[in-house]
């Protein structure tokens, strides 16, 4: 079991769950919008996902992974 500090995390492992924080913020301080945009031909055809918070791109996930 993991206890997370505030923020946005991604699992970048291929086997077991290993969370990596990609954005440090407190989501309870204000209303935020979240969006994930998939580009299936990005990263030389392997695809990638751009993560946006309040319309600002904060991360691009370039390989097989799971967002949490």
C-alpha atoms as a PDB file:
ATOM      1  CA  UNK A   1       0.000   0.000   0.000  1.00  0.00           C
ATOM      2  CA  UNK A   2       1.261   3.464  -0.906  1.00  0.00           C
ATOM      3  CA  UNK A   3       0.499   6.730   0.874  1.00  0.00           C
ATOM      4  CA  UNK A   4       0.756   9.586  -1.589  1.00  0.00           C
ATOM      5  CA  UNK A   5       1.555  13.228  -0.971  1.00  0.00           C
ATOM      6  CA  UNK A   6      -0.495  15.729  -3.007  1.00  0.00           C
ATOM      7  CA  UNK A   7       0.349  15.746  -6.682  1.00  0.00           C
ATOM      8  CA  UNK A   8      -0.051  13.938  -9.978  1.00  0.00           C
ATOM      9  CA  UNK A   9       1.687  10.586 -10.343  1.00  0.00           C
ATOM     10  CA  UNK A  10       2.499   8.177 -13.153  1.00  0.00           C
ATOM     11  CA  UNK A  11       3.581   4.540 -13.022  1.00  0.00           C
ATOM     12  CA  UNK A  12       6.645   4.200 -15.250  1.00  0.00           C
ATOM     13  CA  UNK A  13       7.460   0.593 -14.439  1.00  0.00           C
ATOM     14  CA  UNK A  14       6.995  -2.449 -16.636  1.00  0.00           C
ATOM     15  CA  UNK A  15       6.420  -4.912 -13.808  1.00  0.00           C
ATOM     16  CA  UNK A  16       5.366  -3.804 -10.351  1.00  0.00           C
ATOM     17  CA  UNK A  17       3.757  -0.495  -9.385  1.00  0.00           C
ATOM     18  CA  UNK A  18       6.440   2.204  -8.964  1.00  0.00           C
ATOM     19  CA  UNK A  19       4.832   5.688  -8.755  1.00  0.00           C
ATOM     20  CA  UNK A  20       6.707   8.779  -9.917  1.00  0.00           C
ATOM     21  CA  UNK A  21       5.381  12.254  -9.092  1.00  0.00           C
ATOM     22  CA  UNK A  22       5.212  14.429 -12.223  1.00  0.00           C
ATOM     23  CA  UNK A  23       3.503  17.452 -10.663  1.00  0.00           C
ATOM     24  CA  UNK A  24       3.572  18.699  -7.086  1.00  0.00           C
ATOM     25  CA  UNK A  25       0.387  20.597  -6.206  1.00  0.00           C
ATOM     26  CA  UNK A  26      -2.562  20.474  -3.820  1.00  0.00           C
ATOM     27  CA  UNK A  27      -5.724  19.729  -5.825  1.00  0.00           C
ATOM     28  CA  UNK A  28      -7.948  20.885  -2.954  1.00  0.00           C
ATOM     29  CA  UNK A  29      -6.772  24.538  -3.000  1.00  0.00           C
ATOM     30  CA  UNK A  30      -8.852  25.492  -6.058  1.00  0.00           C
ATOM     31  CA  UNK A  31     -10.971  24.068  -8.874  1.00  0.00           C
ATOM     32  CA  UNK A  32      -8.798  22.478 -11.570  1.00  0.00           C
ATOM     33  CA  UNK A  33      -9.502  20.889 -14.928  1.00  0.00           C
ATOM     34  CA  UNK A  34      -7.582  17.789 -15.980  1.00  0.00           C
ATOM     35  CA  UNK A  35      -7.163  16.399 -19.480  1.00  0.00           C
ATOM     36  CA  UNK A  36      -5.219  13.583 -21.095  1.00  0.00           C
ATOM     37  CA  UNK A  37      -4.695  13.792 -24.865  1.00  0.00           C
ATOM     38  CA  UNK A  38      -3.597  10.671 -26.756  1.00  0.00           C
ATOM     39  CA  UNK A  39      -1.490  11.063 -29.895  1.00  0.00           C
ATOM     40  CA  UNK A  40      -1.331   7.557 -31.420  1.00  0.00           C
ATOM     41  CA  UNK A  41       1.345   8.490 -33.972  1.00  0.00           C
ATOM     42  CA  UNK A  42       3.542  10.484 -31.584  1.00  0.00           C
ATOM     43  CA  UNK A  43       6.950   9.242 -30.461  1.00  0.00           C
ATOM     44  CA  UNK A  44       7.758   7.665 -33.856  1.00  0.00           C
ATOM     45  CA  UNK A  45       4.472   5.784 -34.082  1.00  0.00           C
ATOM     46  CA  UNK A  46       4.566   4.297 -30.568  1.00  0.00           C
ATOM     47  CA  UNK A  47       2.094   6.913 -29.306  1.00  0.00           C
ATOM     48  CA  UNK A  48       2.197   9.245 -26.342  1.00  0.00           C
ATOM     49  CA  UNK A  49      -0.162  10.983 -23.943  1.00  0.00           C
ATOM     50  CA  UNK A  50       0.024  14.667 -22.994  1.00  0.00           C
ATOM     51  CA  UNK A  51      -1.286  15.480 -19.517  1.00  0.00           C
ATOM     52  CA  UNK A  52      -2.794  18.955 -19.022  1.00  0.00           C
ATOM     53  CA  UNK A  53      -3.857  20.726 -15.822  1.00  0.00           C
ATOM     54  CA  UNK A  54      -5.905  23.895 -16.263  1.00  0.00           C
ATOM     55  CA  UNK A  55      -5.064  23.858 -19.981  1.00  0.00           C
ATOM     56  CA  UNK A  56      -1.297  23.798 -19.402  1.00  0.00           C
ATOM     57  CA  UNK A  57       0.724  20.790 -20.561  1.00  0.00           C
ATOM     58  CA  UNK A  58       2.596  19.473 -17.545  1.00  0.00           C
ATOM     59  CA  UNK A  59       3.850  16.106 -18.795  1.00  0.00           C
ATOM     60  CA  UNK A  60       4.155  13.890 -21.848  1.00  0.00           C
ATOM     61  CA  UNK A  61       4.137  10.171 -21.205  1.00  0.00           C
ATOM     62  CA  UNK A  62       6.122   8.556 -24.011  1.00  0.00           C
ATOM     63  CA  UNK A  63       6.072   4.859 -23.284  1.00  0.00           C
ATOM     64  CA  UNK A  64       3.662   2.230 -22.047  1.00  0.00           C
ATOM     65  CA  UNK A  65       2.562   3.232 -18.579  1.00  0.00           C
ATOM     66  CA  UNK A  66      -0.459   3.767 -16.353  1.00  0.00           C
ATOM     67  CA  UNK A  67      -1.501   7.098 -14.858  1.00  0.00           C
ATOM     68  CA  UNK A  68      -2.814   7.088 -11.312  1.00  0.00           C
END
